[in-house]
Amino acid sequence: MGLLPITALGVGAMVGAGVFVLTGLAAGEAGPALVLVFALNGCIALVIGGCYAELATMMPRAGGAYIWARPALGDIMGFFTGWCSWFAQTVACAFYAISFGTFAAELVAEFGGGGLDPTIMAMTILALLVGTNLIGTGSSGVSQVVLAGLQMGVIAVFIGFGLSELFGSAEPSEPFVPFLPEGPIGVLAAMGLTFIAFEGFEIIVQSSEEARAPSRMIPRAIGLSICIVVLVYVLTAVVLIGTVEAPEGASTHEHLASLGEMGVIEAGRTVMPFGKTILLVAALASTASALNATVFGASRVAVAMARTGDLPDLFKSVSERGAPVPALLLIAGIVAGFLLLLPIKDIAASTDIMFIIVFTLVAVSLQRLRGKRSDRDRPFRLPLVPWTTGFVIASGVALSLSLGHVSLAAWVVAAGWTALGLGYKFWLSKW
């Protein structure tokens, strides 16, 4: 794959369900400071993306964080990193699938239909995109470009209409006062909740083995995709806060919190003709795009873990067209289970915690490998190490703790998966 489909993998995963599902929920936590939330998360993501770019160009193999943590941190912590990464991406698949199902049901209701079960629609899109990935990576890359192009086109139109209405008003700054209604705690909670929106660059790294000239392609795709997505999220936040009108007696951010995943859809309804219908279609494309990209990435982590013996040998099997069939089928089964068991907000928060753990371990791995593998060629080098890696570690601790304010269930899920993984590793060591 070239720069366009690889960048589309990252953009699709990062814009994805986050811009539609989590933006309204995060606005309820941070208020107008949602703009700051996305800008700060983007800065953190750029530094983490730099860690990934250096390690990916030094060791361009599928598996990402898992492949780097093993030589840097040892066998047990390497396994733990891969286990967390695989879980994070697999549960993210459930988040994107149920988001697709929710928007599909709302779109049918918009045209007078009713009774459509979001979970059934989630299962349907999961089966369809797992099937696409089973065909092979080329087919997956083409579908990703189409889906990402559709979603970005519609979001650009929405932003254009929204900014036109906002700056055409008498007092465009009025909706943004007060800027911090929930204080710094609200900002941190919103950052933790929405950080899943910026994890898509890890999907780019998982495509290393399928990329042409990965030492050049991967850093470019990571930087380009993060910059595109930060701009999209900041502008979407401006439109959302600036155009949605709250009922009498309620603030805008309280109203957006009550709308939940329909916040951006409501903004579309008010700023553009047929806005609700158009944005529902874009939301379907976005969530399908994110699901496609994350299924791709999760399956590559499973293959990498099987190659080193941390998962059964069955899961390292790859078809003639490059599709890891057993890994894809296993992921589909796990995702289906989560769709039936967890609500959307807890799924999102659980995924955030696991990704934050992985990103922190990647920063530690980079710092360790600078000493242990100093002789290795690094076509891209992250500047200002160890200050930049220290920034990632401190940010990870702060964001993970802030998620306790959002979902205690997420910590229970994360702790349960960690215990399961360590128990499995202990069992493997006995054989």
Protein backbone atom coordinates (compact mmCIF):
# COMPACT_ATOMS: atom_id res chain seq x y z
CA MET A 1 0.00 0.00 0.00
CA GLY A 2 1.08 3.58 -0.71
CA LEU A 3 0.81 6.83 1.26
CA LEU A 4 -2.86 7.48 0.42
CA PRO A 5 -4.40 4.19 1.67
CA ILE A 6 -2.09 4.07 4.71
CA THR A 7 -2.95 7.65 5.69
CA ALA A 8 -6.61 6.83 5.08
CA LEU A 9 -6.30 3.96 7.57
CA GLY A 10 -5.17 6.42 10.23
CA VAL A 11 -7.63 9.19 9.36
CA GLY A 12 -10.50 6.71 9.19
CA ALA A 13 -9.71 5.32 12.62
CA MET A 14 -9.13 8.72 14.22
CA VAL A 15 -12.08 10.63 12.77
CA GLY A 16 -14.33 7.60 12.82
CA ALA A 17 -16.91 7.33 15.56
CA GLY A 18 -15.08 9.81 17.79
CA VAL A 19 -16.23 12.93 15.97
CA PHE A 20 -19.87 11.83 16.07
CA VAL A 21 -20.25 9.73 19.21
CA LEU A 22 -17.83 11.21 21.74
CA THR A 23 -17.86 14.92 20.89
CA GLY A 24 -21.23 15.60 22.52
CA LEU A 25 -20.37 13.52 25.58
CA ALA A 26 -17.02 15.31 25.93
CA ALA A 27 -18.72 18.71 25.56
CA GLY A 28 -20.77 17.80 28.62
CA GLU A 29 -17.54 17.30 30.59
CA ALA A 30 -15.53 20.31 29.35
CA GLY A 31 -18.00 22.84 27.92
CA PRO A 32 -16.52 25.30 25.39
CA ALA A 33 -13.05 24.14 26.48
CA LEU A 34 -13.74 21.16 24.20
CA VAL A 35 -11.72 23.13 21.62
CA LEU A 36 -8.76 23.08 24.01
CA VAL A 37 -9.34 19.39 24.76
CA PHE A 38 -8.81 18.38 21.14
CA ALA A 39 -5.84 20.71 20.67
CA LEU A 40 -4.08 19.29 23.76
CA ASN A 41 -4.88 15.70 22.81
CA GLY A 42 -3.50 16.43 19.36
CA CYS A 43 -0.21 17.68 20.85
CA ILE A 44 0.10 14.52 22.96
CA ALA A 45 -0.76 12.37 19.94
CA LEU A 46 1.95 14.05 17.83
CA VAL A 47 4.62 13.19 20.41
CA ILE A 48 3.34 9.62 20.78
CA GLY A 49 3.16 9.39 16.99
CA GLY A 50 6.83 10.43 16.89
CA CYS A 51 7.66 7.53 19.25
CA TYR A 52 5.81 5.17 16.95
CA ALA A 53 7.47 6.60 13.84
CA GLU A 54 10.99 6.10 15.21
CA LEU A 55 10.33 2.55 16.39
CA ALA A 56 8.39 1.59 13.26
CA THR A 57 11.20 2.71 10.94
CA MET A 58 13.78 0.94 13.11
CA MET A 59 11.74 -2.30 13.26
CA PRO A 60 9.18 -2.22 10.39
CA ARG A 61 7.16 -5.31 11.27
CA ALA A 62 3.50 -5.92 11.96
CA GLY A 63 2.72 -5.96 15.67
CA GLY A 64 3.79 -2.43 16.58
CA ALA A 65 4.13 -1.85 20.31
CA TYR A 66 4.35 -5.57 21.05
CA ILE A 67 7.35 -6.06 18.73
CA TRP A 68 9.27 -3.17 20.32
CA ALA A 69 8.44 -3.90 23.95
CA ARG A 70 9.84 -7.45 23.89
CA PRO A 71 13.51 -6.46 23.32
CA ALA A 72 13.15 -3.26 25.35
CA LEU A 73 11.25 -4.46 28.42
CA GLY A 74 11.66 -8.23 28.45
CA ASP A 75 9.39 -11.18 27.80
CA ILE A 76 6.69 -10.57 30.43
CA MET A 77 6.26 -6.84 29.82
CA GLY A 78 6.48 -7.44 26.08
CA PHE A 79 3.62 -9.91 26.34
CA PHE A 80 1.67 -7.49 28.54
CA THR A 81 2.10 -4.69 25.98
CA GLY A 82 0.84 -6.88 23.15
CA TRP A 83 -2.04 -8.18 25.26
CA CYS A 84 -3.17 -4.62 26.07
CA SER A 85 -2.76 -3.46 22.47
CA TRP A 86 -4.75 -6.38 21.12
CA PHE A 87 -7.50 -5.83 23.68
CA ALA A 88 -7.67 -2.08 23.08
CA GLN A 89 -8.09 -2.48 19.34
CA THR A 90 -10.51 -5.38 19.66
CA VAL A 91 -12.79 -3.53 22.09
CA ALA A 92 -12.49 -0.42 19.92
CA CYS A 93 -14.03 -2.55 17.16
CA ALA A 94 -17.04 -3.08 19.41
CA PHE A 95 -17.27 0.66 20.05
CA TYR A 96 -17.27 1.48 16.34
CA ALA A 97 -19.69 -1.32 15.48
CA ILE A 98 -22.33 -0.34 18.07
CA SER A 99 -21.95 3.29 17.03
CA PHE A 100 -22.70 2.26 13.45
CA GLY A 101 -25.74 0.33 14.63
CA THR A 102 -27.04 3.33 16.62
CA PHE A 103 -26.76 5.69 13.66
CA ALA A 104 -28.28 3.14 11.27
CA ALA A 105 -31.33 2.80 13.53
CA GLU A 106 -31.65 6.60 13.75
CA LEU A 107 -31.41 6.97 9.96
CA VAL A 108 -34.16 4.41 9.42
CA ALA A 109 -36.31 6.23 12.00
CA GLU A 110 -35.69 9.51 10.15
CA PHE A 111 -37.46 8.04 7.13
CA GLY A 112 -40.40 6.77 9.16
CA GLY A 113 -39.09 3.31 9.96
CA GLY A 114 -38.85 1.94 13.46
CA GLY A 115 -37.91 -1.01 15.57
CA LEU A 116 -34.46 -1.51 14.03
CA ASP A 117 -32.17 -3.09 16.64
CA PRO A 118 -28.78 -1.27 16.77
CA THR A 119 -27.04 -4.47 17.95
CA ILE A 120 -28.23 -6.42 14.91
CA MET A 121 -26.94 -3.66 12.63
CA ALA A 122 -23.65 -3.67 14.55
CA MET A 123 -23.31 -7.42 14.01
CA THR A 124 -24.10 -6.97 10.31
CA ILE A 125 -21.43 -4.32 9.65
CA LEU A 126 -18.92 -6.34 11.68
CA ALA A 127 -19.54 -9.42 9.53
CA LEU A 128 -19.31 -7.37 6.32
CA LEU A 129 -15.99 -5.69 7.14
CA VAL A 130 -14.39 -8.81 8.59
CA GLY A 131 -15.36 -10.46 5.30
CA THR A 132 -13.69 -7.60 3.39
CA ASN A 133 -10.48 -8.07 5.37
CA LEU A 134 -10.64 -11.82 4.73
CA ILE A 135 -10.39 -11.10 1.01
CA GLY A 136 -6.99 -9.45 1.48
CA THR A 137 -5.16 -6.20 2.28
CA GLY A 138 -5.55 -4.65 -1.17
CA SER A 139 -9.32 -4.83 -0.96
CA SER A 140 -9.21 -3.43 2.57
CA GLY A 141 -7.03 -0.50 1.47
CA VAL A 142 -9.30 0.45 -1.44
CA SER A 143 -12.41 0.34 0.77
CA GLN A 144 -10.63 2.48 3.35
CA VAL A 145 -9.85 5.25 0.83
CA VAL A 146 -13.48 5.31 -0.32
CA LEU A 147 -14.92 5.39 3.22
CA ALA A 148 -12.44 7.99 4.50
CA GLY A 149 -13.00 10.20 1.44
CA LEU A 150 -16.77 10.13 1.90
CA GLN A 151 -16.68 10.97 5.60
CA MET A 152 -14.13 13.78 5.22
CA GLY A 153 -16.09 15.36 2.37
CA VAL A 154 -19.31 15.52 4.38
CA ILE A 155 -17.57 16.75 7.54
CA ALA A 156 -15.88 19.52 5.52
CA VAL A 157 -19.30 20.67 4.24
CA PHE A 158 -20.72 20.58 7.77
CA ILE A 159 -17.81 22.64 9.11
CA GLY A 160 -18.20 25.14 6.27
CA PHE A 161 -21.91 25.67 6.96
CA GLY A 162 -21.33 25.82 10.71
CA LEU A 163 -18.53 28.40 10.58
CA SER A 164 -20.57 30.52 8.17
CA GLU A 165 -23.51 30.58 10.60
CA LEU A 166 -21.32 31.19 13.64
CA PHE A 167 -19.36 34.11 12.20
CA GLY A 168 -22.48 35.52 10.63
CA SER A 169 -24.05 36.00 14.07
CA ALA A 170 -23.88 39.25 16.02
CA GLU A 171 -21.78 37.80 18.88
CA PRO A 172 -19.78 34.77 17.63
CA SER A 173 -17.79 34.57 20.88
CA GLU A 174 -20.82 34.51 23.18
CA PRO A 175 -21.35 30.68 23.18
CA PHE A 176 -17.76 30.24 24.40
CA VAL A 177 -18.23 32.21 27.64
CA PRO A 178 -17.56 30.93 30.26
CA PHE A 179 -14.81 28.90 28.62
CA LEU A 180 -14.15 26.52 31.55
CA PRO A 181 -17.54 25.89 33.18
CA GLU A 182 -16.40 22.58 34.69
CA GLY A 183 -12.83 23.67 35.48
CA PRO A 184 -9.57 21.78 34.78
CA ILE A 185 -11.06 18.48 36.01
CA GLY A 186 -13.65 18.68 33.24
CA VAL A 187 -10.94 19.27 30.65
CA LEU A 188 -8.92 16.27 31.86
CA ALA A 189 -12.00 14.03 31.93
CA ALA A 190 -12.92 15.06 28.38
CA MET A 191 -9.35 14.46 27.23
CA GLY A 192 -9.39 10.96 28.68
CA LEU A 193 -12.79 10.17 27.19
CA THR A 194 -11.88 11.35 23.68
CA PHE A 195 -8.32 10.05 23.53
CA ILE A 196 -9.56 7.00 21.66
CA ALA A 197 -10.12 9.40 18.77
CA PHE A 198 -6.35 9.77 18.34
CA GLU A 199 -5.29 6.13 18.50
CA GLY A 200 -5.59 5.58 14.77
CA PHE A 201 -1.91 6.20 14.07
CA GLU A 202 -1.21 2.83 15.71
CA ILE A 203 -3.20 1.27 12.87
CA ILE A 204 -0.71 2.86 10.46
CA VAL A 205 2.16 1.07 12.19
CA GLN A 206 0.35 -2.26 11.87
CA SER A 207 0.52 -1.81 8.07
CA SER A 208 4.35 -1.71 8.03
CA GLU A 209 4.70 -5.08 6.30
CA GLU A 210 2.14 -4.07 3.65
CA ALA A 211 3.67 -0.58 3.04
CA ARG A 212 5.93 0.39 0.17
CA ALA A 213 9.19 1.90 1.53
CA PRO A 214 8.00 1.84 5.16
CA SER A 215 10.94 3.88 6.49
CA ARG A 216 9.64 6.89 4.53
CA MET A 217 5.95 6.07 4.30
CA ILE A 218 5.11 5.35 7.95
CA PRO A 219 6.41 8.62 9.53
CA ARG A 220 4.79 10.68 6.79
CA ALA A 221 1.45 8.91 7.16
CA ILE A 222 1.51 9.27 10.97
CA GLY A 223 2.28 13.00 10.91
CA LEU A 224 -0.12 13.76 8.05
CA SER A 225 -3.04 11.85 9.56
CA ILE A 226 -2.66 13.41 13.03
CA CYS A 227 -2.48 16.96 11.62
CA ILE A 228 -5.59 16.38 9.47
CA VAL A 229 -7.56 14.93 12.36
CA VAL A 230 -6.61 17.63 14.91
CA LEU A 231 -7.83 20.30 12.49
CA VAL A 232 -11.09 18.42 11.88
CA TYR A 233 -11.79 17.92 15.59
CA VAL A 234 -11.00 21.50 16.62
CA LEU A 235 -13.22 22.95 13.89
CA THR A 236 -16.00 20.49 14.70
CA ALA A 237 -15.84 21.53 18.35
CA VAL A 238 -16.07 25.21 17.37
CA VAL A 239 -19.15 24.53 15.23
CA LEU A 240 -20.77 22.31 17.86
CA ILE A 241 -20.39 24.77 20.74
CA GLY A 242 -21.14 27.79 18.59
CA THR A 243 -24.30 26.68 16.79
CA VAL A 244 -26.33 24.33 19.02
CA GLU A 245 -29.00 26.23 20.97
CA ALA A 246 -29.87 24.95 24.43
CA PRO A 247 -33.43 24.96 25.83
CA GLU A 248 -34.41 27.75 28.21
CA GLY A 249 -32.61 27.41 31.54
CA ALA A 250 -29.89 25.01 30.34
CA SER A 251 -26.33 25.69 29.18
CA THR A 252 -25.12 24.55 25.77
CA HIS A 253 -22.73 21.96 27.16
CA GLU A 254 -25.41 20.50 29.46
CA HIS A 255 -27.74 20.21 26.48
CA LEU A 256 -25.03 18.51 24.41
CA ALA A 257 -24.38 16.06 27.22
CA SER A 258 -28.08 15.14 27.23
CA LEU A 259 -27.96 14.59 23.45
CA GLY A 260 -25.00 12.21 23.83
CA GLU A 261 -23.91 10.67 20.54
CA MET A 262 -26.50 12.73 18.67
CA GLY A 263 -24.83 16.07 19.50
CA VAL A 264 -23.07 16.57 16.18
CA ILE A 265 -26.12 15.28 14.32
CA GLU A 266 -28.24 17.95 16.05
CA ALA A 267 -25.73 20.63 15.06
CA GLY A 268 -25.96 19.44 11.46
CA ARG A 269 -29.74 19.70 11.55
CA THR A 270 -29.55 23.36 12.55
CA VAL A 271 -26.78 24.60 10.22
CA MET A 272 -27.34 22.92 6.85
CA PRO A 273 -30.20 21.73 4.63
CA PHE A 274 -31.02 18.06 5.23
CA GLY A 275 -28.21 18.23 7.77
CA LYS A 276 -29.41 15.43 10.02
CA THR A 277 -29.80 12.95 7.19
CA ILE A 278 -26.50 13.90 5.56
CA LEU A 279 -24.56 13.64 8.81
CA LEU A 280 -26.18 10.33 9.69
CA VAL A 281 -24.90 8.98 6.38
CA ALA A 282 -21.46 10.44 7.13
CA ALA A 283 -21.57 8.91 10.61
CA LEU A 284 -22.25 5.51 9.07
CA ALA A 285 -19.28 5.94 6.73
CA SER A 286 -17.07 7.16 9.59
CA THR A 287 -17.89 4.34 11.98
CA ALA A 288 -17.56 1.74 9.21
CA SER A 289 -14.20 3.26 8.23
CA ALA A 290 -12.94 3.17 11.82
CA LEU A 291 -14.17 -0.39 12.30
CA ASN A 292 -12.47 -1.51 9.09
CA ALA A 293 -9.15 0.08 10.12
CA THR A 294 -9.28 -1.31 13.66
CA VAL A 295 -10.17 -4.85 12.59
CA PHE A 296 -7.12 -4.63 10.32
CA GLY A 297 -4.84 -3.48 13.16
CA ALA A 298 -6.12 -5.90 15.82
CA SER A 299 -5.61 -8.89 13.53
CA ARG A 300 -1.97 -7.89 12.89
CA VAL A 301 -1.23 -7.73 16.63
CA ALA A 302 -2.67 -11.24 17.04
CA VAL A 303 -0.46 -12.53 14.20
CA ALA A 304 2.65 -10.94 15.72
CA MET A 305 1.91 -12.47 19.14
CA ALA A 306 1.36 -15.89 17.60
CA ARG A 307 4.66 -15.68 15.71
CA THR A 308 6.55 -15.34 19.00
CA GLY A 309 4.52 -18.03 20.79
CA ASP A 310 2.42 -15.73 22.99
CA LEU A 311 -0.75 -16.87 21.20
CA PRO A 312 -1.41 -20.32 19.70
CA ASP A 313 0.31 -21.07 16.36
CA LEU A 314 -3.08 -21.20 14.63
CA PHE A 315 -3.33 -17.41 14.73
CA LYS A 316 -0.16 -16.74 12.75
CA SER A 317 -1.66 -18.34 9.65
CA VAL A 318 -2.02 -15.95 6.71
CA SER A 319 -3.82 -16.68 3.43
CA GLU A 320 -2.19 -16.37 -0.01
CA ARG A 321 -3.66 -12.85 -0.29
CA GLY A 322 -2.22 -11.73 3.05
CA ALA A 323 -5.33 -12.13 5.22
CA PRO A 324 -4.84 -13.52 8.76
CA VAL A 325 -8.01 -15.63 8.64
CA PRO A 326 -7.97 -17.30 12.12
CA ALA A 327 -7.04 -14.01 13.83
CA LEU A 328 -9.86 -12.17 12.06
CA LEU A 329 -12.41 -14.80 13.04
CA LEU A 330 -11.24 -14.76 16.68
CA ILE A 331 -11.56 -10.96 16.82
CA ALA A 332 -15.03 -11.10 15.29
CA GLY A 333 -16.13 -13.50 18.02
CA ILE A 334 -14.71 -11.36 20.85
CA VAL A 335 -16.27 -8.19 19.43
CA ALA A 336 -19.66 -9.87 19.13
CA GLY A 337 -19.47 -10.76 22.83
CA PHE A 338 -18.70 -7.16 23.84
CA LEU A 339 -21.57 -5.88 21.72
CA LEU A 340 -23.93 -7.94 23.84
CA LEU A 341 -22.39 -7.12 27.23
CA LEU A 342 -21.18 -3.50 27.55
CA PRO A 343 -22.76 -0.05 27.08
CA ILE A 344 -21.07 2.34 24.66
CA LYS A 345 -19.56 4.78 27.18
CA ASP A 346 -17.91 2.00 29.19
CA ILE A 347 -16.56 0.43 26.00
CA ALA A 348 -15.01 3.76 24.99
CA ALA A 349 -13.47 4.40 28.42
CA SER A 350 -12.11 0.83 28.65
CA THR A 351 -10.47 1.22 25.26
CA ASP A 352 -8.98 4.57 26.29
CA ILE A 353 -7.37 3.13 29.42
CA MET A 354 -5.78 0.25 27.52
CA PHE A 355 -4.47 2.48 24.73
CA ILE A 356 -3.01 4.91 27.27
CA ILE A 357 -1.19 2.00 28.95
CA VAL A 358 0.17 0.88 25.59
CA PHE A 359 1.31 4.39 24.61
CA THR A 360 3.10 4.80 27.94
CA LEU A 361 4.90 1.47 27.48
CA VAL A 362 5.90 2.50 23.94
CA ALA A 363 7.53 5.66 25.28
CA VAL A 364 9.43 3.62 27.87
CA SER A 365 10.45 1.13 25.14
CA LEU A 366 11.83 3.88 22.92
CA GLN A 367 13.91 5.28 25.76
CA ARG A 368 15.28 1.83 26.65
CA LEU A 369 16.07 0.93 23.02
CA ARG A 370 18.02 4.16 22.54
CA GLY A 371 20.55 2.57 24.90
CA LYS A 372 20.15 -1.15 24.19
CA ARG A 373 19.97 -0.87 20.38
CA SER A 374 21.96 2.31 19.78
CA ASP A 375 23.62 0.72 16.74
CA ARG A 376 20.33 0.22 14.86
CA ASP A 377 19.54 2.47 11.91
CA ARG A 378 16.78 4.99 12.72
CA PRO A 379 15.55 6.76 9.56
CA PHE A 380 13.36 8.89 11.85
CA ARG A 381 14.44 10.03 15.32
CA LEU A 382 12.14 11.61 17.92
CA PRO A 383 13.82 14.80 19.18
CA LEU A 384 14.47 15.81 22.80
CA VAL A 385 14.44 12.31 24.31
CA PRO A 386 14.08 11.74 27.32
CA TRP A 387 12.02 14.93 27.76
CA THR A 388 9.50 13.95 25.09
CA THR A 389 9.13 10.40 26.37
CA GLY A 390 8.74 11.76 29.91
CA PHE A 391 5.96 14.02 28.64
CA VAL A 392 4.14 10.98 27.20
CA ILE A 393 4.46 9.03 30.46
CA ALA A 394 3.20 11.93 32.61
CA SER A 395 0.31 12.58 30.20
CA GLY A 396 -0.64 8.91 30.26
CA VAL A 397 -0.83 8.82 34.06
CA ALA A 398 -2.96 11.98 34.21
CA LEU A 399 -5.38 10.87 31.48
CA SER A 400 -5.84 7.37 32.86
CA LEU A 401 -6.62 8.70 36.34
CA SER A 402 -9.11 11.19 34.88
CA LEU A 403 -11.12 8.31 33.40
CA GLY A 404 -12.12 7.26 36.90
CA HIS A 405 -14.37 10.32 36.82
CA VAL A 406 -15.97 9.07 33.59
CA SER A 407 -16.39 5.30 34.10
CA LEU A 408 -15.41 3.15 37.07
CA ALA A 409 -16.58 0.12 35.08
CA ALA A 410 -13.78 0.81 32.59
CA TRP A 411 -11.18 0.26 35.29
CA VAL A 412 -12.87 -3.00 36.30
CA VAL A 413 -12.78 -4.22 32.69
CA ALA A 414 -9.15 -3.17 32.28
CA ALA A 415 -8.14 -4.88 35.53
CA GLY A 416 -10.01 -8.05 34.54
CA TRP A 417 -8.29 -8.23 31.16
CA THR A 418 -4.90 -7.60 32.77
CA ALA A 419 -5.47 -10.42 35.27
CA LEU A 420 -6.61 -12.76 32.47
CA GLY A 421 -3.52 -11.96 30.43
CA LEU A 422 -1.06 -12.45 33.25
CA GLY A 423 -2.80 -15.71 34.19
CA TYR A 424 -2.53 -16.91 30.59
CA LYS A 425 1.16 -15.97 30.45
CA PHE A 426 1.81 -17.86 33.69
CA TRP A 427 0.02 -20.91 32.25
CA LEU A 428 2.17 -20.71 29.09
CA SER A 429 5.35 -20.62 31.15
CA LYS A 430 4.43 -23.98 32.68
CA TRP A 431 4.40 -25.72 29.29
